[in-house]
Amino acid sequence: MLFRPRYEGGMEDPIPQFTDWLEEARRHPEIREPTAMTLATSTVEGKPSARIVLLKQADAKGFVFFTNYHSRKSEELTKNPDAALCFYWMPLERQVRIEGHVEKTSASESDAYFASRERNKQLGAWASLQSQALESPAILEARFKEMEERFANGPVPRPPHWGGWRLVPRHIEFWHQGEFRLHSRALYNRLADGRWAKHVLYP
């Protein structure tokens, strides 16, 4: 038999499975950025866009990343909160696809993460007008120096336009590459009562 599903059907929580895969990716010497994930958003008209962001937290509540709330992705998420994530760990031959809706993290969560960042990254969050046209790199450099002077005598507070998004998953799919393209796929769908239904899919 060429194809042997790694997952059986039934009810189960996919978050521990994701955590296990992420930890394996963290330990793999060939994976330089295991938390890198593609974030796909779309406008209210349905025009999609995608980019790489970094996962900062994953638990039963959802998958968290941080960004500028004035960026293109944030503007799209504000108007259309449906979004998708995709992790691909090539050396492990594994992929995880996640679909759901987003909500902003609390101010306290955003404050705590911002405080943990390197100071230069904190200053960069103030200096960058993310997604706006930049006429010259010298302008950005000048803005950065301005922020260095502005906050020279104390800690750098979180900008009001910067914070986190949490994607609350409705669907999570695990994919594991198989021989002869007979991959293993397991799809988890969240039910109305908050539990998960798991199904093995054809590759």
N, C-alpha and C. Protein backbone atom coordinates (compact mmCIF):
# COMPACT_ATOMS: atom_id res chain seq x y z
N MET A 1 0.85 -1.19 0.00
CA MET A 1 0.00 0.00 0.00
C MET A 1 0.88 1.24 0.00
N LEU A 2 0.69 2.14 -0.97
CA LEU A 2 1.55 3.31 -1.08
C LEU A 2 1.18 4.42 -0.11
N PHE A 3 -0.10 4.53 0.19
CA PHE A 3 -0.56 5.66 1.00
C PHE A 3 -1.15 5.16 2.30
N ARG A 4 -0.61 5.64 3.40
CA ARG A 4 -1.13 5.29 4.73
C ARG A 4 -1.41 6.59 5.48
N PRO A 5 -2.67 6.95 5.67
CA PRO A 5 -2.99 8.19 6.37
C PRO A 5 -2.36 8.25 7.75
N ARG A 6 -1.79 9.38 8.09
CA ARG A 6 -1.20 9.55 9.41
C ARG A 6 -2.25 9.98 10.44
N TYR A 7 -3.46 10.25 9.97
CA TYR A 7 -4.49 10.75 10.86
C TYR A 7 -5.77 9.96 10.65
N GLU A 8 -6.45 9.64 11.71
CA GLU A 8 -7.75 8.98 11.63
C GLU A 8 -8.84 10.03 11.76
N GLY A 9 -10.04 9.74 11.25
CA GLY A 9 -11.15 10.66 11.41
C GLY A 9 -11.64 10.70 12.84
N GLY A 10 -12.48 11.70 13.15
CA GLY A 10 -13.04 11.79 14.50
C GLY A 10 -12.90 13.18 15.08
N MET A 11 -13.07 13.27 16.41
CA MET A 11 -13.03 14.56 17.10
C MET A 11 -11.68 14.71 17.79
N GLU A 12 -11.05 15.87 17.62
CA GLU A 12 -9.76 16.09 18.25
C GLU A 12 -9.41 17.57 18.18
N ASP A 13 -8.48 18.00 19.00
CA ASP A 13 -8.02 19.38 19.01
C ASP A 13 -6.77 19.50 18.14
N PRO A 14 -6.76 20.35 17.11
CA PRO A 14 -5.59 20.45 16.24
C PRO A 14 -4.45 21.29 16.81
N ILE A 15 -4.70 22.07 17.85
CA ILE A 15 -3.65 22.97 18.35
C ILE A 15 -2.43 22.22 18.88
N PRO A 16 -2.59 21.16 19.69
CA PRO A 16 -1.40 20.40 20.10
C PRO A 16 -0.62 19.83 18.92
N GLN A 17 -1.34 19.39 17.87
CA GLN A 17 -0.65 18.89 16.68
C GLN A 17 0.17 19.99 16.04
N PHE A 18 -0.41 21.20 15.94
CA PHE A 18 0.34 22.32 15.37
C PHE A 18 1.56 22.65 16.23
N THR A 19 1.37 22.68 17.53
CA THR A 19 2.48 23.00 18.44
C THR A 19 3.62 22.00 18.28
N ASP A 20 3.29 20.73 18.16
CA ASP A 20 4.31 19.70 17.97
C ASP A 20 5.08 19.93 16.67
N TRP A 21 4.35 20.22 15.60
CA TRP A 21 5.02 20.45 14.32
C TRP A 21 5.89 21.69 14.36
N LEU A 22 5.41 22.75 15.01
CA LEU A 22 6.19 23.98 15.11
C LEU A 22 7.47 23.74 15.89
N GLU A 23 7.38 22.99 16.98
CA GLU A 23 8.58 22.71 17.78
C GLU A 23 9.58 21.88 17.00
N GLU A 24 9.11 20.94 16.18
CA GLU A 24 10.02 20.18 15.34
C GLU A 24 10.70 21.10 14.33
N ALA A 25 9.95 22.05 13.79
CA ALA A 25 10.53 23.01 12.85
C ALA A 25 11.57 23.89 13.54
N ARG A 26 11.30 24.29 14.77
CA ARG A 26 12.27 25.09 15.53
C ARG A 26 13.58 24.35 15.73
N ARG A 27 13.50 23.04 15.92
CA ARG A 27 14.70 22.25 16.19
C ARG A 27 15.47 21.88 14.92
N HIS A 28 14.84 22.01 13.78
CA HIS A 28 15.48 21.55 12.54
C HIS A 28 16.56 22.53 12.12
N PRO A 29 17.79 22.06 11.90
CA PRO A 29 18.90 22.98 11.60
C PRO A 29 18.78 23.70 10.26
N GLU A 30 17.98 23.18 9.35
CA GLU A 30 17.87 23.79 8.03
C GLU A 30 16.74 24.82 7.93
N ILE A 31 15.93 24.93 8.97
CA ILE A 31 14.81 25.87 8.94
C ILE A 31 15.21 27.11 9.71
N ARG A 32 15.50 28.19 9.01
CA ARG A 32 16.04 29.39 9.63
C ARG A 32 14.97 30.21 10.33
N GLU A 33 13.75 30.22 9.81
CA GLU A 33 12.68 31.02 10.41
C GLU A 33 11.41 30.18 10.47
N PRO A 34 11.29 29.33 11.48
CA PRO A 34 10.14 28.41 11.55
C PRO A 34 8.81 29.09 11.76
N THR A 35 8.81 30.32 12.28
CA THR A 35 7.54 31.02 12.53
C THR A 35 7.06 31.83 11.34
N ALA A 36 7.81 31.82 10.23
CA ALA A 36 7.39 32.57 9.04
C ALA A 36 6.14 31.94 8.46
N MET A 37 5.15 32.76 8.15
CA MET A 37 3.90 32.25 7.60
C MET A 37 3.37 33.24 6.57
N THR A 38 2.75 32.71 5.55
CA THR A 38 2.09 33.56 4.57
C THR A 38 0.74 33.99 5.12
N LEU A 39 0.48 35.29 5.10
CA LEU A 39 -0.82 35.83 5.50
C LEU A 39 -1.52 36.31 4.25
N ALA A 40 -2.69 35.76 3.98
CA ALA A 40 -3.49 36.17 2.82
C ALA A 40 -4.69 36.96 3.30
N THR A 41 -4.88 38.13 2.70
CA THR A 41 -6.02 38.99 3.00
C THR A 41 -6.70 39.35 1.69
N SER A 42 -7.84 40.02 1.77
CA SER A 42 -8.48 40.50 0.55
C SER A 42 -9.30 41.74 0.85
N THR A 43 -9.53 42.50 -0.19
CA THR A 43 -10.38 43.68 -0.06
C THR A 43 -11.83 43.24 0.03
N VAL A 44 -12.72 44.19 0.31
CA VAL A 44 -14.14 43.86 0.36
C VAL A 44 -14.65 43.44 -1.02
N GLU A 45 -13.92 43.83 -2.08
CA GLU A 45 -14.29 43.41 -3.44
C GLU A 45 -13.75 42.03 -3.79
N GLY A 46 -12.96 41.45 -2.87
CA GLY A 46 -12.43 40.12 -3.11
C GLY A 46 -11.09 40.07 -3.80
N LYS A 47 -10.38 41.20 -3.89
CA LYS A 47 -9.05 41.21 -4.51
C LYS A 47 -8.03 40.78 -3.47
N PRO A 48 -7.32 39.67 -3.69
CA PRO A 48 -6.43 39.12 -2.67
C PRO A 48 -5.03 39.74 -2.69
N SER A 49 -4.34 39.62 -1.58
CA SER A 49 -2.92 39.94 -1.48
C SER A 49 -2.32 39.04 -0.40
N ALA A 50 -1.01 38.83 -0.48
CA ALA A 50 -0.34 37.94 0.47
C ALA A 50 1.05 38.45 0.77
N ARG A 51 1.54 38.12 1.96
CA ARG A 51 2.88 38.50 2.39
C ARG A 51 3.30 37.58 3.53
N ILE A 52 4.58 37.62 3.87
CA ILE A 52 5.10 36.81 4.98
C ILE A 52 5.11 37.65 6.25
N VAL A 53 4.58 37.09 7.33
CA VAL A 53 4.66 37.69 8.66
C VAL A 53 5.16 36.61 9.62
N LEU A 54 5.46 37.00 10.85
CA LEU A 54 5.99 36.05 11.82
C LEU A 54 4.96 35.75 12.91
N LEU A 55 4.77 34.49 13.17
CA LEU A 55 3.88 34.06 14.26
C LEU A 55 4.54 34.37 15.60
N LYS A 56 3.80 34.99 16.51
CA LYS A 56 4.33 35.31 17.82
C LYS A 56 3.66 34.51 18.94
N GLN A 57 2.49 33.95 18.67
CA GLN A 57 1.80 33.17 19.69
C GLN A 57 0.78 32.27 19.00
N ALA A 58 0.65 31.04 19.49
CA ALA A 58 -0.36 30.12 18.99
C ALA A 58 -0.91 29.32 20.17
N ASP A 59 -2.21 29.41 20.37
CA ASP A 59 -2.85 28.67 21.45
C ASP A 59 -4.31 28.45 21.09
N ALA A 60 -5.10 28.04 22.05
CA ALA A 60 -6.51 27.73 21.78
C ALA A 60 -7.28 28.95 21.29
N LYS A 61 -6.80 30.16 21.61
CA LYS A 61 -7.50 31.37 21.18
C LYS A 61 -7.21 31.74 19.74
N GLY A 62 -6.06 31.32 19.22
CA GLY A 62 -5.75 31.65 17.84
C GLY A 62 -4.27 31.87 17.59
N PHE A 63 -3.97 32.47 16.44
CA PHE A 63 -2.60 32.66 15.95
C PHE A 63 -2.33 34.16 15.85
N VAL A 64 -1.30 34.64 16.53
CA VAL A 64 -1.08 36.08 16.71
C VAL A 64 0.15 36.56 15.95
N PHE A 65 0.00 37.69 15.28
CA PHE A 65 1.12 38.41 14.69
C PHE A 65 0.92 39.90 14.97
N PHE A 66 1.99 40.69 14.82
CA PHE A 66 1.95 42.12 15.12
C PHE A 66 2.37 42.92 13.90
N THR A 67 1.80 44.13 13.80
CA THR A 67 2.08 44.96 12.63
C THR A 67 1.60 46.38 12.86
N ASN A 68 1.79 47.21 11.85
CA ASN A 68 1.28 48.58 11.84
C ASN A 68 -0.19 48.54 11.45
N TYR A 69 -1.05 49.17 12.24
CA TYR A 69 -2.48 49.15 11.95
C TYR A 69 -2.84 50.04 10.75
N HIS A 70 -1.87 50.83 10.25
CA HIS A 70 -2.10 51.65 9.07
C HIS A 70 -1.60 50.97 7.79
N SER A 71 -1.05 49.77 7.91
CA SER A 71 -0.51 49.07 6.75
C SER A 71 -1.63 48.57 5.85
N ARG A 72 -1.26 48.16 4.66
CA ARG A 72 -2.26 47.65 3.72
C ARG A 72 -2.97 46.42 4.29
N LYS A 73 -2.21 45.51 4.88
CA LYS A 73 -2.84 44.30 5.40
C LYS A 73 -3.82 44.62 6.51
N SER A 74 -3.47 45.59 7.37
CA SER A 74 -4.38 45.95 8.46
C SER A 74 -5.63 46.64 7.94
N GLU A 75 -5.46 47.48 6.93
CA GLU A 75 -6.63 48.13 6.35
C GLU A 75 -7.57 47.11 5.73
N GLU A 76 -7.00 46.11 5.05
CA GLU A 76 -7.84 45.07 4.47
C GLU A 76 -8.50 44.22 5.56
N LEU A 77 -7.75 43.89 6.61
CA LEU A 77 -8.31 43.09 7.69
C LEU A 77 -9.41 43.83 8.45
N THR A 78 -9.28 45.15 8.55
CA THR A 78 -10.30 45.94 9.22
C THR A 78 -11.62 45.90 8.44
N LYS A 79 -11.52 45.97 7.12
CA LYS A 79 -12.72 45.99 6.29
C LYS A 79 -13.25 44.59 5.98
N ASN A 80 -12.35 43.63 5.92
CA ASN A 80 -12.73 42.25 5.64
C ASN A 80 -11.94 41.34 6.57
N PRO A 81 -12.50 40.93 7.70
CA PRO A 81 -11.75 40.18 8.71
C PRO A 81 -11.48 38.72 8.38
N ASP A 82 -11.95 38.23 7.25
CA ASP A 82 -11.64 36.86 6.86
C ASP A 82 -10.22 36.81 6.30
N ALA A 83 -9.43 35.84 6.76
CA ALA A 83 -8.03 35.75 6.34
C ALA A 83 -7.57 34.30 6.40
N ALA A 84 -6.36 34.08 5.86
CA ALA A 84 -5.79 32.74 5.86
C ALA A 84 -4.30 32.82 6.13
N LEU A 85 -3.77 31.75 6.72
CA LEU A 85 -2.34 31.61 7.01
C LEU A 85 -1.85 30.32 6.37
N CYS A 86 -0.56 30.31 6.02
CA CYS A 86 0.04 29.08 5.50
C CYS A 86 1.48 28.98 5.97
N PHE A 87 1.81 27.86 6.62
CA PHE A 87 3.18 27.53 6.98
C PHE A 87 3.68 26.45 6.03
N TYR A 88 4.94 26.58 5.59
CA TYR A 88 5.53 25.53 4.77
C TYR A 88 6.95 25.30 5.25
N TRP A 89 7.20 24.12 5.80
CA TRP A 89 8.51 23.73 6.30
C TRP A 89 9.07 22.69 5.34
N MET A 90 9.78 23.15 4.33
CA MET A 90 10.23 22.27 3.25
C MET A 90 11.08 21.09 3.73
N PRO A 91 12.09 21.30 4.61
CA PRO A 91 12.90 20.15 5.03
C PRO A 91 12.09 19.06 5.74
N LEU A 92 10.98 19.43 6.36
CA LEU A 92 10.13 18.45 7.03
C LEU A 92 9.03 17.93 6.11
N GLU A 93 8.93 18.50 4.93
CA GLU A 93 7.90 18.11 3.96
C GLU A 93 6.50 18.27 4.56
N ARG A 94 6.30 19.40 5.24
CA ARG A 94 5.04 19.64 5.93
C ARG A 94 4.49 21.03 5.62
N GLN A 95 3.18 21.12 5.62
CA GLN A 95 2.49 22.38 5.41
C GLN A 95 1.26 22.42 6.32
N VAL A 96 0.96 23.62 6.82
CA VAL A 96 -0.26 23.83 7.61
C VAL A 96 -0.99 25.02 7.02
N ARG A 97 -2.27 24.83 6.71
CA ARG A 97 -3.12 25.90 6.20
C ARG A 97 -4.21 26.19 7.22
N ILE A 98 -4.43 27.49 7.47
CA ILE A 98 -5.37 27.92 8.51
C ILE A 98 -6.28 29.00 7.93
N GLU A 99 -7.57 28.88 8.15
CA GLU A 99 -8.54 29.88 7.69
C GLU A 99 -9.42 30.29 8.86
N GLY A 100 -9.77 31.57 8.91
CA GLY A 100 -10.64 32.04 9.98
C GLY A 100 -10.86 33.54 9.88
N HIS A 101 -11.23 34.14 11.00
CA HIS A 101 -11.42 35.59 11.04
C HIS A 101 -10.45 36.18 12.04
N VAL A 102 -10.15 37.46 11.86
CA VAL A 102 -9.19 38.12 12.74
C VAL A 102 -9.87 39.10 13.68
N GLU A 103 -9.20 39.35 14.79
CA GLU A 103 -9.60 40.38 15.74
C GLU A 103 -8.32 40.97 16.31
N LYS A 104 -8.37 42.22 16.74
CA LYS A 104 -7.19 42.85 17.31
C LYS A 104 -6.91 42.26 18.70
N THR A 105 -5.63 42.13 19.03
CA THR A 105 -5.27 41.74 20.38
C THR A 105 -5.58 42.90 21.33
N SER A 106 -5.65 42.60 22.61
CA SER A 106 -5.93 43.65 23.59
C SER A 106 -4.74 44.61 23.67
N ALA A 107 -4.98 45.79 24.18
CA ALA A 107 -3.91 46.78 24.35
C ALA A 107 -2.82 46.25 25.25
N SER A 108 -3.21 45.50 26.28
CA SER A 108 -2.21 44.97 27.21
C SER A 108 -1.33 43.92 26.54
N GLU A 109 -1.93 43.09 25.67
CA GLU A 109 -1.13 42.11 24.93
C GLU A 109 -0.16 42.81 23.99
N SER A 110 -0.64 43.82 23.29
CA SER A 110 0.23 44.55 22.36
C SER A 110 1.33 45.28 23.11
N ASP A 111 0.99 45.88 24.26
CA ASP A 111 2.00 46.57 25.07
C ASP A 111 3.09 45.61 25.53
N ALA A 112 2.68 44.44 25.98
CA ALA A 112 3.64 43.47 26.51
C ALA A 112 4.60 43.00 25.43
N TYR A 113 4.07 42.72 24.24
CA TYR A 113 4.97 42.27 23.18
C TYR A 113 5.88 43.41 22.72
N PHE A 114 5.32 44.61 22.56
CA PHE A 114 6.13 45.73 22.10
C PHE A 114 7.28 45.98 23.08
N ALA A 115 7.01 45.87 24.36
CA ALA A 115 8.05 46.10 25.37
C ALA A 115 9.18 45.07 25.28
N SER A 116 8.89 43.90 24.72
CA SER A 116 9.90 42.85 24.62
C SER A 116 10.80 43.00 23.40
N ARG A 117 10.46 43.91 22.50
CA ARG A 117 11.23 44.07 21.27
C ARG A 117 12.53 44.85 21.52
N GLU A 118 13.48 44.67 20.61
CA GLU A 118 14.71 45.45 20.67
C GLU A 118 14.38 46.93 20.50
N ARG A 119 15.16 47.78 21.13
CA ARG A 119 14.86 49.21 21.12
C ARG A 119 14.82 49.76 19.69
N ASN A 120 15.77 49.36 18.84
CA ASN A 120 15.79 49.88 17.47
C ASN A 120 14.53 49.47 16.70
N LYS A 121 14.01 48.30 16.98
CA LYS A 121 12.76 47.88 16.33
C LYS A 121 11.59 48.71 16.85
N GLN A 122 11.63 49.04 18.14
CA GLN A 122 10.60 49.91 18.69
C GLN A 122 10.63 51.28 18.01
N LEU A 123 11.83 51.82 17.85
CA LEU A 123 11.96 53.12 17.18
C LEU A 123 11.51 53.03 15.73
N GLY A 124 11.82 51.91 15.09
CA GLY A 124 11.41 51.73 13.71
C GLY A 124 9.91 51.71 13.54
N ALA A 125 9.20 51.19 14.55
CA ALA A 125 7.74 51.18 14.49
C ALA A 125 7.18 52.60 14.50
N TRP A 126 7.84 53.51 15.18
CA TRP A 126 7.44 54.91 15.18
C TRP A 126 7.84 55.60 13.88
N ALA A 127 9.01 55.25 13.36
CA ALA A 127 9.55 55.97 12.20
C ALA A 127 8.86 55.61 10.89
N SER A 128 8.40 54.36 10.76
CA SER A 128 7.88 53.91 9.48
C SER A 128 6.40 54.26 9.30
N LEU A 129 6.11 54.83 8.15
CA LEU A 129 4.72 55.04 7.72
C LEU A 129 4.38 53.90 6.78
N GLN A 130 4.23 52.73 7.35
CA GLN A 130 4.18 51.49 6.58
C GLN A 130 3.15 51.54 5.46
N SER A 131 3.58 51.09 4.27
CA SER A 131 2.77 50.97 3.06
C SER A 131 2.55 52.30 2.35
N GLN A 132 3.01 53.43 2.92
CA GLN A 132 2.90 54.70 2.21
C GLN A 132 4.12 54.90 1.30
N ALA A 133 3.97 55.73 0.30
CA ALA A 133 5.06 55.99 -0.64
C ALA A 133 6.21 56.70 0.08
N LEU A 134 7.45 56.25 -0.18
CA LEU A 134 8.65 56.84 0.41
C LEU A 134 9.47 57.49 -0.70
N GLU A 135 9.61 58.80 -0.64
CA GLU A 135 10.30 59.52 -1.71
C GLU A 135 11.80 59.28 -1.70
N SER A 136 12.37 59.08 -0.51
CA SER A 136 13.82 58.88 -0.41
C SER A 136 14.14 58.13 0.87
N PRO A 137 15.11 57.19 0.83
CA PRO A 137 15.54 56.52 2.07
C PRO A 137 16.03 57.50 3.13
N ALA A 138 16.54 58.64 2.67
CA ALA A 138 17.05 59.65 3.62
C ALA A 138 15.92 60.16 4.51
N ILE A 139 14.70 60.18 4.00
CA ILE A 139 13.57 60.65 4.80
C ILE A 139 13.30 59.69 5.94
N LEU A 140 13.35 58.39 5.64
CA LEU A 140 13.14 57.39 6.68
C LEU A 140 14.26 57.45 7.72
N GLU A 141 15.49 57.62 7.25
CA GLU A 141 16.62 57.73 8.18
C GLU A 141 16.44 58.93 9.09
N ALA A 142 15.98 60.04 8.53
CA ALA A 142 15.76 61.25 9.33
C ALA A 142 14.65 61.03 10.36
N ARG A 143 13.61 60.33 9.96
CA ARG A 143 12.52 60.05 10.90
C ARG A 143 13.01 59.15 12.04
N PHE A 144 13.86 58.19 11.70
CA PHE A 144 14.40 57.31 12.74
C PHE A 144 15.25 58.10 13.74
N LYS A 145 16.10 58.98 13.23
CA LYS A 145 16.93 59.80 14.12
C LYS A 145 16.06 60.72 14.99
N GLU A 146 14.98 61.20 14.40
CA GLU A 146 14.05 62.04 15.15
C GLU A 146 13.45 61.26 16.32
N MET A 147 13.12 60.00 16.10
CA MET A 147 12.56 59.17 17.17
C MET A 147 13.61 58.83 18.21
N GLU A 148 14.86 58.65 17.78
CA GLU A 148 15.94 58.42 18.74
C GLU A 148 16.05 59.59 19.71
N GLU A 149 15.95 60.80 19.17
CA GLU A 149 16.04 61.99 20.01
C GLU A 149 14.79 62.15 20.88
N ARG A 150 13.65 61.86 20.30
CA ARG A 150 12.38 62.03 21.03
C ARG A 150 12.31 61.15 22.26
N PHE A 151 12.82 59.92 22.15
CA PHE A 151 12.71 58.96 23.26
C PHE A 151 14.07 58.68 23.90
N ALA A 152 15.00 59.60 23.77
CA ALA A 152 16.37 59.38 24.25
C ALA A 152 16.44 59.18 25.76
N ASN A 153 15.53 59.77 26.50
CA ASN A 153 15.65 59.76 27.96
C ASN A 153 14.77 58.75 28.67
N GLY A 154 14.24 57.79 27.93
CA GLY A 154 13.37 56.82 28.60
C GLY A 154 12.97 55.69 27.68
N PRO A 155 12.09 54.81 28.14
CA PRO A 155 11.62 53.70 27.32
C PRO A 155 10.77 54.18 26.16
N VAL A 156 10.69 53.37 25.15
CA VAL A 156 9.90 53.71 23.95
C VAL A 156 8.50 53.12 24.13
N PRO A 157 7.47 53.95 24.18
CA PRO A 157 6.11 53.43 24.33
C PRO A 157 5.60 52.84 23.01
N ARG A 158 4.61 52.01 23.10
CA ARG A 158 4.01 51.45 21.89
C ARG A 158 3.24 52.55 21.14
N PRO A 159 3.48 52.66 19.83
CA PRO A 159 2.70 53.63 19.05
C PRO A 159 1.23 53.24 19.03
N PRO A 160 0.33 54.19 19.04
CA PRO A 160 -1.10 53.86 19.01
C PRO A 160 -1.53 53.16 17.73
N HIS A 161 -0.72 53.30 16.67
CA HIS A 161 -1.06 52.69 15.39
C HIS A 161 -0.39 51.33 15.20
N TRP A 162 0.11 50.73 16.25
CA TRP A 162 0.85 49.47 16.14
C TRP A 162 0.29 48.48 17.15
N GLY A 163 0.12 47.22 16.72
CA GLY A 163 -0.40 46.23 17.66
C GLY A 163 -0.58 44.88 16.99
N GLY A 164 -1.33 44.02 17.66
CA GLY A 164 -1.46 42.65 17.20
C GLY A 164 -2.79 42.33 16.57
N TRP A 165 -2.76 41.30 15.75
CA TRP A 165 -3.95 40.67 15.21
C TRP A 165 -3.96 39.20 15.63
N ARG A 166 -5.10 38.70 15.92
CA ARG A 166 -5.25 37.27 16.25
C ARG A 166 -6.19 36.64 15.23
N LEU A 167 -5.71 35.63 14.52
CA LEU A 167 -6.58 34.89 13.62
C LEU A 167 -7.21 33.75 14.41
N VAL A 168 -8.52 33.79 14.51
CA VAL A 168 -9.29 32.75 15.20
C VAL A 168 -9.68 31.71 14.16
N PRO A 169 -9.15 30.49 14.25
CA PRO A 169 -9.33 29.54 13.14
C PRO A 169 -10.71 28.88 13.09
N ARG A 170 -11.18 28.71 11.86
CA ARG A 170 -12.37 27.90 11.59
C ARG A 170 -11.97 26.56 10.97
N HIS A 171 -10.88 26.59 10.19
CA HIS A 171 -10.40 25.39 9.52
C HIS A 171 -8.88 25.33 9.66
N ILE A 172 -8.36 24.16 9.96
CA ILE A 172 -6.91 23.94 10.01
C ILE A 172 -6.62 22.64 9.27
N GLU A 173 -5.73 22.72 8.29
CA GLU A 173 -5.37 21.53 7.52
C GLU A 173 -3.89 21.23 7.64
N PHE A 174 -3.57 19.98 7.96
CA PHE A 174 -2.20 19.50 8.03
C PHE A 174 -1.90 18.67 6.78
N TRP A 175 -0.76 18.96 6.16
CA TRP A 175 -0.35 18.28 4.93
C TRP A 175 1.05 17.74 5.13
N HIS A 176 1.26 16.48 4.78
CA HIS A 176 2.57 15.85 4.87
C HIS A 176 2.87 15.18 3.55
N GLN A 177 3.99 15.54 2.95
CA GLN A 177 4.33 15.03 1.62
C GLN A 177 4.47 13.52 1.65
N GLY A 178 3.92 12.88 0.63
CA GLY A 178 3.99 11.43 0.52
C GLY A 178 4.65 10.99 -0.76
N GLU A 179 5.04 9.73 -0.80
CA GLU A 179 5.66 9.16 -1.98
C GLU A 179 4.66 9.11 -3.14
N PHE A 180 5.15 9.37 -4.35
CA PHE A 180 4.32 9.34 -5.56
C PHE A 180 3.19 10.37 -5.50
N ARG A 181 3.40 11.46 -4.78
CA ARG A 181 2.41 12.53 -4.63
C ARG A 181 1.18 12.08 -3.87
N LEU A 182 1.26 10.98 -3.18
CA LEU A 182 0.13 10.51 -2.38
C LEU A 182 0.30 11.06 -0.96
N HIS A 183 0.01 12.35 -0.82
CA HIS A 183 0.26 13.06 0.43
C HIS A 183 -0.77 12.70 1.50
N SER A 184 -0.38 12.95 2.75
CA SER A 184 -1.32 12.84 3.86
C SER A 184 -1.94 14.19 4.13
N ARG A 185 -3.28 14.23 4.24
CA ARG A 185 -3.98 15.48 4.52
C ARG A 185 -5.03 15.22 5.59
N ALA A 186 -5.05 16.08 6.60
CA ALA A 186 -6.06 16.00 7.65
C ALA A 186 -6.65 17.38 7.86
N LEU A 187 -7.96 17.48 7.74
CA LEU A 187 -8.66 18.75 7.87
C LEU A 187 -9.48 18.77 9.16
N TYR A 188 -9.30 19.85 9.94
CA TYR A 188 -10.08 20.06 11.16
C TYR A 188 -11.04 21.22 10.93
N ASN A 189 -12.31 21.00 11.17
CA ASN A 189 -13.33 22.04 11.06
C ASN A 189 -13.90 22.32 12.45
N ARG A 190 -13.94 23.61 12.82
CA ARG A 190 -14.49 23.96 14.13
C ARG A 190 -16.02 23.92 14.07
N LEU A 191 -16.62 23.26 15.05
CA LEU A 191 -18.06 23.14 15.13
C LEU A 191 -18.66 24.29 15.93
N ALA A 192 -19.98 24.40 15.91
CA ALA A 192 -20.65 25.50 16.59
C ALA A 192 -20.41 25.47 18.09
N ASP A 193 -20.18 24.29 18.67
CA ASP A 193 -19.96 24.19 20.11
C ASP A 193 -18.49 24.38 20.49
N GLY A 194 -17.63 24.72 19.51
CA GLY A 194 -16.23 24.98 19.80
C GLY A 194 -15.33 23.76 19.64
N ARG A 195 -15.91 22.57 19.55
CA ARG A 195 -15.10 21.38 19.33
C ARG A 195 -14.69 21.30 17.86
N TRP A 196 -13.84 20.32 17.56
CA TRP A 196 -13.33 20.16 16.21
C TRP A 196 -13.73 18.81 15.63
N ALA A 197 -14.04 18.79 14.35
CA ALA A 197 -14.28 17.56 13.62
C ALA A 197 -13.10 17.35 12.66
N LYS A 198 -12.54 16.16 12.67
CA LYS A 198 -11.35 15.87 11.87
C LYS A 198 -11.69 14.90 10.75
N HIS A 199 -11.15 15.19 9.54
CA HIS A 199 -11.42 14.35 8.38
C HIS A 199 -10.11 14.13 7.62
N VAL A 200 -9.88 12.92 7.16
CA VAL A 200 -8.77 12.63 6.27
C VAL A 200 -9.23 12.93 4.85
N LEU A 201 -8.39 13.65 4.08
CA LEU A 201 -8.74 14.04 2.72
C LEU A 201 -7.90 13.28 1.70
N TYR A 202 -8.47 13.11 0.52
CA TYR A 202 -7.67 12.63 -0.60
C TYR A 202 -6.54 13.63 -0.87
N PRO A 203 -5.38 13.16 -1.30
CA PRO A 203 -4.31 14.11 -1.62
C PRO A 203 -4.60 14.92 -2.87
